[in-house]
Amino acid sequence: PLLPQGIGMVGPLLIDIGTDEQKAKYLPGILKGEDFWAQGYS
């Protein structure tokens, strides 16, 4: 399975509520698999 942090979590979040600038900056790299995001919660 594809790693969920980008394609399944922060990507959909930005699509829903991110600014236009954030969508343009981050979504292409998530979609292409060029960027990998870690989740800094716990």
PDB file of all heavy atoms in Angstrom:
ATOM      1  N   PRO A   1       0.837  -1.204   0.000  1.00  0.00           N
ATOM      2  CA  PRO A   1       0.000   0.000   0.000  1.00  0.00           C
ATOM      3  C   PRO A   1       0.870   1.251   0.000  1.00  0.00           C
ATOM      4  O   PRO A   1       1.959   1.271   0.590  1.00  0.00           O
ATOM      5  CB  PRO A   1      -0.792  -0.119   1.308  1.00  0.00           C
ATOM      6  CG  PRO A   1       0.081  -0.956   2.198  1.00  0.00           C
ATOM      7  CD  PRO A   1       0.785  -1.921   1.289  1.00  0.00           C
ATOM      8  N   LEU A   2       0.404   2.295  -0.666  1.00  0.00           N
ATOM      9  CA  LEU A   2       1.138   3.550  -0.643  1.00  0.00           C
ATOM     10  C   LEU A   2       1.140   4.118   0.768  1.00  0.00           C
ATOM     11  O   LEU A   2       0.184   3.949   1.531  1.00  0.00           O
ATOM     12  CB  LEU A   2       0.518   4.567  -1.610  1.00  0.00           C
ATOM     13  CG  LEU A   2       0.484   4.172  -3.083  1.00  0.00           C
ATOM     14  CD1 LEU A   2       0.072   5.380  -3.932  1.00  0.00           C
ATOM     15  CD2 LEU A   2       1.809   3.610  -3.560  1.00  0.00           C
ATOM     16  N   LEU A   3       2.213   4.795   1.118  1.00  0.00           N
ATOM     17  CA  LEU A   3       2.319   5.368   2.459  1.00  0.00           C
ATOM     18  C   LEU A   3       1.270   6.468   2.626  1.00  0.00           C
ATOM     19  O   LEU A   3       1.112   7.324   1.754  1.00  0.00           O
ATOM     20  CB  LEU A   3       3.727   5.913   2.681  1.00  0.00           C
ATOM     21  CG  LEU A   3       4.813   4.828   2.630  1.00  0.00           C
ATOM     22  CD1 LEU A   3       6.199   5.449   2.646  1.00  0.00           C
ATOM     23  CD2 LEU A   3       4.663   3.841   3.778  1.00  0.00           C
ATOM     24  N   PRO A   4       0.536   6.452   3.733  1.00  0.00           N
ATOM     25  CA  PRO A   4      -0.677   7.270   3.828  1.00  0.00           C
ATOM     26  C   PRO A   4      -0.473   8.728   4.208  1.00  0.00           C
ATOM     27  O   PRO A   4      -1.377   9.543   4.001  1.00  0.00           O
ATOM     28  CB  PRO A   4      -1.469   6.554   4.923  1.00  0.00           C
ATOM     29  CG  PRO A   4      -0.420   5.954   5.817  1.00  0.00           C
ATOM     30  CD  PRO A   4       0.691   5.540   4.885  1.00  0.00           C
ATOM     31  N   GLN A   5       0.681   9.102   4.772  1.00  0.00           N
ATOM     32  CA  GLN A   5       0.788  10.442   5.345  1.00  0.00           C
ATOM     33  C   GLN A   5       0.549  11.548   4.326  1.00  0.00           C
ATOM     34  O   GLN A   5      -0.089  12.554   4.638  1.00  0.00           O
ATOM     35  CB  GLN A   5       2.165  10.636   6.005  1.00  0.00           C
ATOM     36  CG  GLN A   5       2.402   9.760   7.228  1.00  0.00           C
ATOM     37  CD  GLN A   5       3.163   8.500   6.885  1.00  0.00           C
ATOM     38  OE1 GLN A   5       2.883   7.855   5.869  1.00  0.00           O
ATOM     39  NE2 GLN A   5       4.134   8.136   7.709  1.00  0.00           N
ATOM     40  N   GLY A   6       1.059  11.387   3.111  1.00  0.00           N
ATOM     41  CA  GLY A   6       0.880  12.418   2.104  1.00  0.00           C
ATOM     42  C   GLY A   6      -0.379  12.230   1.298  1.00  0.00           C
ATOM     43  O   GLY A   6      -1.282  13.067   1.294  1.00  0.00           O
ATOM     44  N   ILE A   7      -0.471  11.093   0.610  1.00  0.00           N
ATOM     45  CA  ILE A   7      -1.561  10.866  -0.335  1.00  0.00           C
ATOM     46  C   ILE A   7      -2.904  10.677   0.362  1.00  0.00           C
ATOM     47  O   ILE A   7      -3.956  11.007  -0.184  1.00  0.00           O
ATOM     48  CB  ILE A   7      -1.230   9.643  -1.224  1.00  0.00           C
ATOM     49  CG1 ILE A   7      -1.907   9.759  -2.589  1.00  0.00           C
ATOM     50  CG2 ILE A   7      -1.550   8.338  -0.542  1.00  0.00           C
ATOM     51  CD1 ILE A   7      -1.201  10.652  -3.548  1.00  0.00           C
ATOM     52  N   GLY A   8      -2.878  10.163   1.605  1.00  0.00           N
ATOM     53  CA  GLY A   8      -4.131   9.865   2.283  1.00  0.00           C
ATOM     54  C   GLY A   8      -4.497  10.805   3.408  1.00  0.00           C
ATOM     55  O   GLY A   8      -5.631  10.763   3.901  1.00  0.00           O
ATOM     56  N   MET A   9      -3.559  11.675   3.829  1.00  0.00           N
ATOM     57  CA  MET A   9      -3.836  12.500   5.000  1.00  0.00           C
ATOM     58  C   MET A   9      -3.657  13.990   4.706  1.00  0.00           C
ATOM     59  O   MET A   9      -4.618  14.725   4.550  1.00  0.00           O
ATOM     60  CB  MET A   9      -2.957  12.029   6.163  1.00  0.00           C
ATOM     61  CG  MET A   9      -3.298  10.603   6.605  1.00  0.00           C
ATOM     62  SD  MET A   9      -2.079   9.813   7.684  1.00  0.00           S
ATOM     63  CE  MET A   9      -2.158  10.856   9.121  1.00  0.00           C
ATOM     64  N   VAL A  10      -2.405  14.467   4.626  1.00  0.00           N
ATOM     65  CA  VAL A  10      -2.211  15.908   4.469  1.00  0.00           C
ATOM     66  C   VAL A  10      -2.654  16.386   3.090  1.00  0.00           C
ATOM     67  O   VAL A  10      -3.131  17.510   2.941  1.00  0.00           O
ATOM     68  CB  VAL A  10      -0.739  16.297   4.758  1.00  0.00           C
ATOM     69  CG1 VAL A  10       0.207  15.848   3.654  1.00  0.00           C
ATOM     70  CG2 VAL A  10      -0.613  17.808   4.965  1.00  0.00           C
ATOM     71  N   GLY A  11      -2.536  15.530   2.064  1.00  0.00           N
ATOM     72  CA  GLY A  11      -3.016  15.922   0.742  1.00  0.00           C
ATOM     73  C   GLY A  11      -4.516  16.204   0.738  1.00  0.00           C
ATOM     74  O   GLY A  11      -4.949  17.302   0.342  1.00  0.00           O
ATOM     75  N   PRO A  12      -5.353  15.255   1.162  1.00  0.00           N
ATOM     76  CA  PRO A  12      -6.794  15.534   1.236  1.00  0.00           C
ATOM     77  C   PRO A  12      -7.136  16.701   2.152  1.00  0.00           C
ATOM     78  O   PRO A  12      -8.079  17.449   1.878  1.00  0.00           O
ATOM     79  CB  PRO A  12      -7.374  14.221   1.771  1.00  0.00           C
ATOM     80  CG  PRO A  12      -6.409  13.173   1.313  1.00  0.00           C
ATOM     81  CD  PRO A  12      -5.064  13.825   1.406  1.00  0.00           C
ATOM     82  N   LEU A  13      -6.371  16.872   3.231  1.00  0.00           N
ATOM     83  CA  LEU A  13      -6.619  18.013   4.122  1.00  0.00           C
ATOM     84  C   LEU A  13      -6.430  19.325   3.370  1.00  0.00           C
ATOM     85  O   LEU A  13      -7.273  20.234   3.460  1.00  0.00           O
ATOM     86  CB  LEU A  13      -5.674  17.957   5.323  1.00  0.00           C
ATOM     87  CG  LEU A  13      -5.734  19.174   6.252  1.00  0.00           C
ATOM     88  CD1 LEU A  13      -6.993  19.136   7.109  1.00  0.00           C
ATOM     89  CD2 LEU A  13      -4.485  19.271   7.127  1.00  0.00           C
ATOM     90  N   LEU A  14      -5.330  19.446   2.635  1.00  0.00           N
ATOM     91  CA  LEU A  14      -5.070  20.679   1.900  1.00  0.00           C
ATOM     92  C   LEU A  14      -6.096  20.894   0.789  1.00  0.00           C
ATOM     93  O   LEU A  14      -6.491  22.036   0.510  1.00  0.00           O
ATOM     94  CB  LEU A  14      -3.655  20.660   1.324  1.00  0.00           C
ATOM     95  CG  LEU A  14      -2.520  20.706   2.351  1.00  0.00           C
ATOM     96  CD1 LEU A  14      -1.168  20.591   1.665  1.00  0.00           C
ATOM     97  CD2 LEU A  14      -2.593  21.967   3.193  1.00  0.00           C
ATOM     98  N   ILE A  15      -6.530  19.816   0.147  1.00  0.00           N
ATOM     99  CA  ILE A  15      -7.576  19.943  -0.867  1.00  0.00           C
ATOM    100  C   ILE A  15      -8.845  20.523  -0.244  1.00  0.00           C
ATOM    101  O   ILE A  15      -9.518  21.371  -0.826  1.00  0.00           O
ATOM    102  CB  ILE A  15      -7.856  18.571  -1.511  1.00  0.00           C
ATOM    103  CG1 ILE A  15      -6.675  18.157  -2.395  1.00  0.00           C
ATOM    104  CG2 ILE A  15      -9.146  18.600  -2.329  1.00  0.00           C
ATOM    105  CD1 ILE A  15      -6.748  16.738  -2.911  1.00  0.00           C
ATOM    106  N   ASP A  16      -9.141  20.089   0.981  1.00  0.00           N
ATOM    107  CA  ASP A  16     -10.371  20.535   1.650  1.00  0.00           C
ATOM    108  C   ASP A  16     -10.262  21.966   2.178  1.00  0.00           C
ATOM    109  O   ASP A  16     -11.163  22.782   1.952  1.00  0.00           O
ATOM    110  CB  ASP A  16     -10.709  19.602   2.820  1.00  0.00           C
ATOM    111  CG  ASP A  16     -11.182  18.232   2.354  1.00  0.00           C
ATOM    112  OD1 ASP A  16     -11.466  18.071   1.152  1.00  0.00           O
ATOM    113  OD2 ASP A  16     -11.250  17.319   3.201  1.00  0.00           O
ATOM    114  N   ILE A  17      -9.163  22.280   2.893  1.00  0.00           N
ATOM    115  CA  ILE A  17      -9.127  23.551   3.621  1.00  0.00           C
ATOM    116  C   ILE A  17      -7.836  24.331   3.455  1.00  0.00           C
ATOM    117  O   ILE A  17      -7.663  25.382   4.085  1.00  0.00           O
ATOM    118  CB  ILE A  17      -9.404  23.338   5.130  1.00  0.00           C
ATOM    119  CG1 ILE A  17      -8.315  22.467   5.774  1.00  0.00           C
ATOM    120  CG2 ILE A  17     -10.774  22.712   5.365  1.00  0.00           C
ATOM    121  CD1 ILE A  17      -8.467  22.354   7.298  1.00  0.00           C
ATOM    122  N   GLY A  18      -6.912  23.869   2.643  1.00  0.00           N
ATOM    123  CA  GLY A  18      -5.673  24.609   2.434  1.00  0.00           C
ATOM    124  C   GLY A  18      -5.896  25.848   1.578  1.00  0.00           C
ATOM    125  O   GLY A  18      -6.884  25.965   0.851  1.00  0.00           O
ATOM    126  N   THR A  19      -4.968  26.776   1.654  1.00  0.00           N
ATOM    127  CA  THR A  19      -5.053  27.952   0.795  1.00  0.00           C
ATOM    128  C   THR A  19      -4.659  27.570  -0.633  1.00  0.00           C
ATOM    129  O   THR A  19      -4.046  26.515  -0.876  1.00  0.00           O
ATOM    130  CB  THR A  19      -4.108  29.054   1.288  1.00  0.00           C
ATOM    131  OG1 THR A  19      -2.745  28.602   1.152  1.00  0.00           O
ATOM    132  CG2 THR A  19      -4.386  29.405   2.741  1.00  0.00           C
ATOM    133  N   ASP A  20      -4.988  28.431  -1.593  1.00  0.00           N
ATOM    134  CA  ASP A  20      -4.604  28.165  -2.975  1.00  0.00           C
ATOM    135  C   ASP A  20      -3.091  28.060  -3.103  1.00  0.00           C
ATOM    136  O   ASP A  20      -2.575  27.231  -3.872  1.00  0.00           O
ATOM    137  CB  ASP A  20      -5.131  29.268  -3.893  1.00  0.00           C
ATOM    138  CG  ASP A  20      -6.651  29.232  -4.041  1.00  0.00           C
ATOM    139  OD1 ASP A  20      -7.248  28.180  -3.748  1.00  0.00           O
ATOM    140  OD2 ASP A  20      -7.236  30.269  -4.432  1.00  0.00           O
ATOM    141  N   GLU A  21      -2.386  28.899  -2.365  1.00  0.00           N
ATOM    142  CA  GLU A  21      -0.918  28.866  -2.406  1.00  0.00           C
ATOM    143  C   GLU A  21      -0.390  27.536  -1.863  1.00  0.00           C
ATOM    144  O   GLU A  21       0.548  26.951  -2.435  1.00  0.00           O
ATOM    145  CB  GLU A  21      -0.341  30.024  -1.597  1.00  0.00           C
ATOM    146  CG  GLU A  21      -0.581  31.412  -2.196  1.00  0.00           C
ATOM    147  CD  GLU A  21      -1.999  31.927  -1.980  1.00  0.00           C
ATOM    148  OE1 GLU A  21      -2.737  31.314  -1.169  1.00  0.00           O
ATOM    149  OE2 GLU A  21      -2.370  32.934  -2.615  1.00  0.00           O
ATOM    150  N   GLN A  22      -0.977  27.038  -0.770  1.00  0.00           N
ATOM    151  CA  GLN A  22      -0.544  25.771  -0.196  1.00  0.00           C
ATOM    152  C   GLN A  22      -0.841  24.604  -1.129  1.00  0.00           C
ATOM    153  O   GLN A  22      -0.019  23.696  -1.294  1.00  0.00           O
ATOM    154  CB  GLN A  22      -1.202  25.565   1.171  1.00  0.00           C
ATOM    155  CG  GLN A  22      -0.668  26.491   2.242  1.00  0.00           C
ATOM    156  CD  GLN A  22      -1.499  26.465   3.517  1.00  0.00           C
ATOM    157  OE1 GLN A  22      -2.662  26.055   3.514  1.00  0.00           O
ATOM    158  NE2 GLN A  22      -0.913  26.920   4.626  1.00  0.00           N
ATOM    159  N   LYS A  23      -1.997  24.624  -1.766  1.00  0.00           N
ATOM    160  CA  LYS A  23      -2.332  23.565  -2.720  1.00  0.00           C
ATOM    161  C   LYS A  23      -1.339  23.550  -3.871  1.00  0.00           C
ATOM    162  O   LYS A  23      -0.838  22.485  -4.273  1.00  0.00           O
ATOM    163  CB  LYS A  23      -3.750  23.761  -3.242  1.00  0.00           C
ATOM    164  CG  LYS A  23      -4.843  23.570  -2.202  1.00  0.00           C
ATOM    165  CD  LYS A  23      -6.206  23.912  -2.772  1.00  0.00           C
ATOM    166  CE  LYS A  23      -7.280  23.867  -1.708  1.00  0.00           C
ATOM    167  NZ  LYS A  23      -8.618  24.257  -2.222  1.00  0.00           N
ATOM    168  N   ALA A  24      -1.053  24.722  -4.430  1.00  0.00           N
ATOM    169  CA  ALA A  24      -0.136  24.801  -5.563  1.00  0.00           C
ATOM    170  C   ALA A  24       1.274  24.376  -5.171  1.00  0.00           C
ATOM    171  O   ALA A  24       2.001  23.773  -5.967  1.00  0.00           O
ATOM    172  CB  ALA A  24      -0.123  26.226  -6.124  1.00  0.00           C
ATOM    173  N   LYS A  25       1.668  24.670  -3.942  1.00  0.00           N
ATOM    174  CA  LYS A  25       3.030  24.389  -3.493  1.00  0.00           C
ATOM    175  C   LYS A  25       3.239  22.917  -3.143  1.00  0.00           C
ATOM    176  O   LYS A  25       4.277  22.338  -3.469  1.00  0.00           O
ATOM    177  CB  LYS A  25       3.350  25.259  -2.276  1.00  0.00           C
ATOM    178  CG  LYS A  25       4.749  25.062  -1.717  1.00  0.00           C
ATOM    179  CD  LYS A  25       5.008  26.030  -0.565  1.00  0.00           C
ATOM    180  CE  LYS A  25       6.427  25.866  -0.009  1.00  0.00           C
ATOM    181  NZ  LYS A  25       6.703  26.832   1.083  1.00  0.00           N
ATOM    182  N   TYR A  26       2.249  22.297  -2.491  1.00  0.00           N
ATOM    183  CA  TYR A  26       2.475  20.985  -1.899  1.00  0.00           C
ATOM    184  C   TYR A  26       1.829  19.819  -2.632  1.00  0.00           C
ATOM    185  O   TYR A  26       2.375  18.711  -2.631  1.00  0.00           O
ATOM    186  CB  TYR A  26       1.985  20.983  -0.447  1.00  0.00           C
ATOM    187  CG  TYR A  26       2.726  21.944   0.450  1.00  0.00           C
ATOM    188  CD1 TYR A  26       2.054  22.978   1.097  1.00  0.00           C
ATOM    189  CD2 TYR A  26       4.099  21.819   0.660  1.00  0.00           C
ATOM    190  CE1 TYR A  26       2.731  23.866   1.921  1.00  0.00           C
ATOM    191  CE2 TYR A  26       4.780  22.705   1.488  1.00  0.00           C
ATOM    192  CZ  TYR A  26       4.088  23.727   2.117  1.00  0.00           C
ATOM    193  OH  TYR A  26       4.760  24.600   2.926  1.00  0.00           O
ATOM    194  N   LEU A  27       0.666  20.010  -3.233  1.00  0.00           N
ATOM    195  CA  LEU A  27      -0.056  18.870  -3.805  1.00  0.00           C
ATOM    196  C   LEU A  27       0.704  18.173  -4.939  1.00  0.00           C
ATOM    197  O   LEU A  27       0.701  16.937  -5.002  1.00  0.00           O
ATOM    198  CB  LEU A  27      -1.445  19.302  -4.272  1.00  0.00           C
ATOM    199  CG  LEU A  27      -2.442  19.674  -3.169  1.00  0.00           C
ATOM    200  CD1 LEU A  27      -3.789  20.063  -3.783  1.00  0.00           C
ATOM    201  CD2 LEU A  27      -2.628  18.535  -2.176  1.00  0.00           C
ATOM    202  N   PRO A  28       1.356  18.907  -5.864  1.00  0.00           N
ATOM    203  CA  PRO A  28       2.065  18.200  -6.937  1.00  0.00           C
ATOM    204  C   PRO A  28       3.139  17.241  -6.424  1.00  0.00           C
ATOM    205  O   PRO A  28       3.263  16.115  -6.934  1.00  0.00           O
ATOM    206  CB  PRO A  28       2.675  19.344  -7.765  1.00  0.00           C
ATOM    207  CG  PRO A  28       1.755  20.503  -7.524  1.00  0.00           C
ATOM    208  CD  PRO A  28       1.353  20.378  -6.088  1.00  0.00           C
ATOM    209  N   GLY A  29       3.918  17.664  -5.429  1.00  0.00           N
ATOM    210  CA  GLY A  29       4.969  16.794  -4.898  1.00  0.00           C
ATOM    211  C   GLY A  29       4.418  15.571  -4.198  1.00  0.00           C
ATOM    212  O   GLY A  29       5.014  14.487  -4.242  1.00  0.00           O
ATOM    213  N   ILE A  30       3.268  15.725  -3.520  1.00  0.00           N
ATOM    214  CA  ILE A  30       2.617  14.584  -2.878  1.00  0.00           C
ATOM    215  C   ILE A  30       2.132  13.599  -3.935  1.00  0.00           C
ATOM    216  O   ILE A  30       2.355  12.386  -3.841  1.00  0.00           O
ATOM    217  CB  ILE A  30       1.439  15.062  -2.003  1.00  0.00           C
ATOM    218  CG1 ILE A  30       1.946  15.909  -0.834  1.00  0.00           C
ATOM    219  CG2 ILE A  30       0.632  13.869  -1.490  1.00  0.00           C
ATOM    220  CD1 ILE A  30       0.831  16.562  -0.024  1.00  0.00           C
ATOM    221  N   LEU A  31       1.461  14.120  -4.953  1.00  0.00           N
ATOM    222  CA  LEU A  31       0.894  13.267  -5.993  1.00  0.00           C
ATOM    223  C   LEU A  31       1.970  12.506  -6.758  1.00  0.00           C
ATOM    224  O   LEU A  31       1.823  11.308  -7.040  1.00  0.00           O
ATOM    225  CB  LEU A  31       0.067  14.124  -6.955  1.00  0.00           C
ATOM    226  CG  LEU A  31      -0.707  13.383  -8.041  1.00  0.00           C
ATOM    227  CD1 LEU A  31      -1.823  12.540  -7.434  1.00  0.00           C
ATOM    228  CD2 LEU A  31      -1.289  14.373  -9.051  1.00  0.00           C
ATOM    229  N   LYS A  32       3.060  13.173  -7.088  1.00  0.00           N
ATOM    230  CA  LYS A  32       4.118  12.550  -7.887  1.00  0.00           C
ATOM    231  C   LYS A  32       4.989  11.581  -7.091  1.00  0.00           C
ATOM    232  O   LYS A  32       5.760  10.820  -7.679  1.00  0.00           O
ATOM    233  CB  LYS A  32       5.015  13.640  -8.487  1.00  0.00           C
ATOM    234  CG  LYS A  32       4.316  14.546  -9.483  1.00  0.00           C
ATOM    235  CD  LYS A  32       5.255  15.654  -9.944  1.00  0.00           C
ATOM    236  CE  LYS A  32       4.570  16.621 -10.886  1.00  0.00           C
ATOM    237  NZ  LYS A  32       5.473  17.729 -11.310  1.00  0.00           N
ATOM    238  N   GLY A  33       4.899  11.621  -5.772  1.00  0.00           N
ATOM    239  CA  GLY A  33       5.786  10.794  -4.959  1.00  0.00           C
ATOM    240  C   GLY A  33       7.164  11.397  -4.805  1.00  0.00           C
ATOM    241  O   GLY A  33       8.127  10.704  -4.463  1.00  0.00           O
ATOM    242  N   GLU A  34       7.280  12.709  -5.047  1.00  0.00           N
ATOM    243  CA  GLU A  34       8.563  13.397  -4.878  1.00  0.00           C
ATOM    244  C   GLU A  34       8.795  13.800  -3.428  1.00  0.00           C
ATOM    245  O   GLU A  34       9.946  13.909  -2.988  1.00  0.00           O
ATOM    246  CB  GLU A  34       8.600  14.640  -5.763  1.00  0.00           C
ATOM    247  CG  GLU A  34       8.577  14.333  -7.243  1.00  0.00           C
ATOM    248  CD  GLU A  34       8.487  15.584  -8.107  1.00  0.00           C
ATOM    249  OE1 GLU A  34       8.216  16.681  -7.555  1.00  0.00           O
ATOM    250  OE2 GLU A  34       8.680  15.469  -9.331  1.00  0.00           O
ATOM    251  N   ASP A  35       7.722  14.051  -2.700  1.00  0.00           N
ATOM    252  CA  ASP A  35       7.822  14.464  -1.301  1.00  0.00           C
ATOM    253  C   ASP A  35       7.228  13.386  -0.413  1.00  0.00           C
ATOM    254  O   ASP A  35       6.213  12.757  -0.749  1.00  0.00           O
ATOM    255  CB  ASP A  35       7.059  15.769  -1.056  1.00  0.00           C
ATOM    256  CG  ASP A  35       7.684  16.950  -1.775  1.00  0.00           C
ATOM    257  OD1 ASP A  35       8.919  16.938  -1.961  1.00  0.00           O
ATOM    258  OD2 ASP A  35       6.938  17.874  -2.163  1.00  0.00           O
ATOM    259  N   PHE A  36       7.849  13.178   0.743  1.00  0.00           N
ATOM    260  CA  PHE A  36       7.277  12.282   1.739  1.00  0.00           C
ATOM    261  C   PHE A  36       7.129  13.042   3.053  1.00  0.00           C
ATOM    262  O   PHE A  36       8.072  13.663   3.530  1.00  0.00           O
ATOM    263  CB  PHE A  36       8.136  11.043   1.964  1.00  0.00           C
ATOM    264  CG  PHE A  36       7.572  10.167   3.051  1.00  0.00           C
ATOM    265  CD1 PHE A  36       6.375   9.491   2.850  1.00  0.00           C
ATOM    266  CD2 PHE A  36       8.206  10.058   4.269  1.00  0.00           C
ATOM    267  CE1 PHE A  36       5.825   8.720   3.863  1.00  0.00           C
ATOM    268  CE2 PHE A  36       7.666   9.287   5.284  1.00  0.00           C
ATOM    269  CZ  PHE A  36       6.469   8.617   5.077  1.00  0.00           C
ATOM    270  N   TRP A  37       5.940  12.986   3.616  1.00  0.00           N
ATOM    271  CA  TRP A  37       5.599  13.739   4.814  1.00  0.00           C
ATOM    272  C   TRP A  37       5.591  12.854   6.051  1.00  0.00           C
ATOM    273  O   TRP A  37       4.997  11.772   6.052  1.00  0.00           O
ATOM    274  CB  TRP A  37       4.215  14.371   4.654  1.00  0.00           C
ATOM    275  CG  TRP A  37       4.152  15.460   3.630  1.00  0.00           C
ATOM    276  CD1 TRP A  37       4.167  15.321   2.276  1.00  0.00           C
ATOM    277  CD2 TRP A  37       4.080  16.866   3.891  1.00  0.00           C
ATOM    278  NE1 TRP A  37       4.104  16.550   1.672  1.00  0.00           N
ATOM    279  CE2 TRP A  37       4.035  17.520   2.634  1.00  0.00           C
ATOM    280  CE3 TRP A  37       4.018  17.635   5.059  1.00  0.00           C
ATOM    281  CZ2 TRP A  37       3.948  18.903   2.518  1.00  0.00           C
ATOM    282  CZ3 TRP A  37       3.926  19.005   4.940  1.00  0.00           C
ATOM    283  CH2 TRP A  37       3.908  19.631   3.685  1.00  0.00           C
ATOM    284  N   ALA A  38       6.221  13.327   7.120  1.00  0.00           N
ATOM    285  CA  ALA A  38       6.097  12.702   8.425  1.00  0.00           C
ATOM    286  C   ALA A  38       4.984  13.401   9.204  1.00  0.00           C
ATOM    287  O   ALA A  38       4.686  14.575   8.964  1.00  0.00           O
ATOM    288  CB  ALA A  38       7.411  12.804   9.197  1.00  0.00           C
ATOM    289  N   GLN A  39       4.379  12.677  10.135  1.00  0.00           N
ATOM    290  CA  GLN A  39       3.286  13.205  10.945  1.00  0.00           C
ATOM    291  C   GLN A  39       3.794  13.489  12.359  1.00  0.00           C
ATOM    292  O   GLN A  39       4.079  12.565  13.121  1.00  0.00           O
ATOM    293  CB  GLN A  39       2.129  12.203  10.996  1.00  0.00           C
ATOM    294  CG  GLN A  39       0.926  12.687  11.793  1.00  0.00           C
ATOM    295  CD  GLN A  39      -0.151  11.616  11.913  1.00  0.00           C
ATOM    296  OE1 GLN A  39       0.149  10.425  11.984  1.00  0.00           O
ATOM    297  NE2 GLN A  39      -1.405  12.020  11.941  1.00  0.00           N
ATOM    298  N   GLY A  40       3.925  14.761  12.702  1.00  0.00           N
ATOM    299  CA  GLY A  40       4.453  15.152  14.011  1.00  0.00           C
ATOM    300  C   GLY A  40       3.340  15.411  15.014  1.00  0.00           C
ATOM    301  O   GLY A  40       2.993  16.582  15.246  1.00  0.00           O
ATOM    302  N   TYR A  41       2.803  14.363  15.590  1.00  0.00           N
ATOM    303  CA  TYR A  41       1.711  14.490  16.555  1.00  0.00           C
ATOM    304  C   TYR A  41       2.157  14.076  17.962  1.00  0.00           C
ATOM    305  O   TYR A  41       2.306  14.893  18.855  1.00  0.00           O
ATOM    306  CB  TYR A  41       0.516  13.627  16.127  1.00  0.00           C
ATOM    307  CG  TYR A  41      -0.414  14.247  15.127  1.00  0.00           C
ATOM    308  CD1 TYR A  41      -0.042  15.333  14.334  1.00  0.00           C
ATOM    309  CD2 TYR A  41      -1.692  13.726  14.933  1.00  0.00           C
ATOM    310  CE1 TYR A  41      -0.912  15.889  13.404  1.00  0.00           C
ATOM    311  CE2 TYR A  41      -2.566  14.278  14.008  1.00  0.00           C
ATOM    312  CZ  TYR A  41      -2.169  15.353  13.248  1.00  0.00           C
ATOM    313  OH  TYR A  41      -3.043  15.899  12.330  1.00  0.00           O
ATOM    314  N   SER A  42       2.355  12.774  18.169  1.00  0.00           N
ATOM    315  CA  SER A  42       2.599  12.246  19.511  1.00  0.00           C
ATOM    316  C   SER A  42       3.868  12.810  20.133  1.00  0.00           C
ATOM    317  O   SER A  42       4.846  13.119  19.439  1.00  0.00           O
ATOM    318  CB  SER A  42       2.701  10.719  19.470  1.00  0.00           C
ATOM    319  OG  SER A  42       1.473  10.144  19.094  1.00  0.00           O
TER     320      SER A  42
END
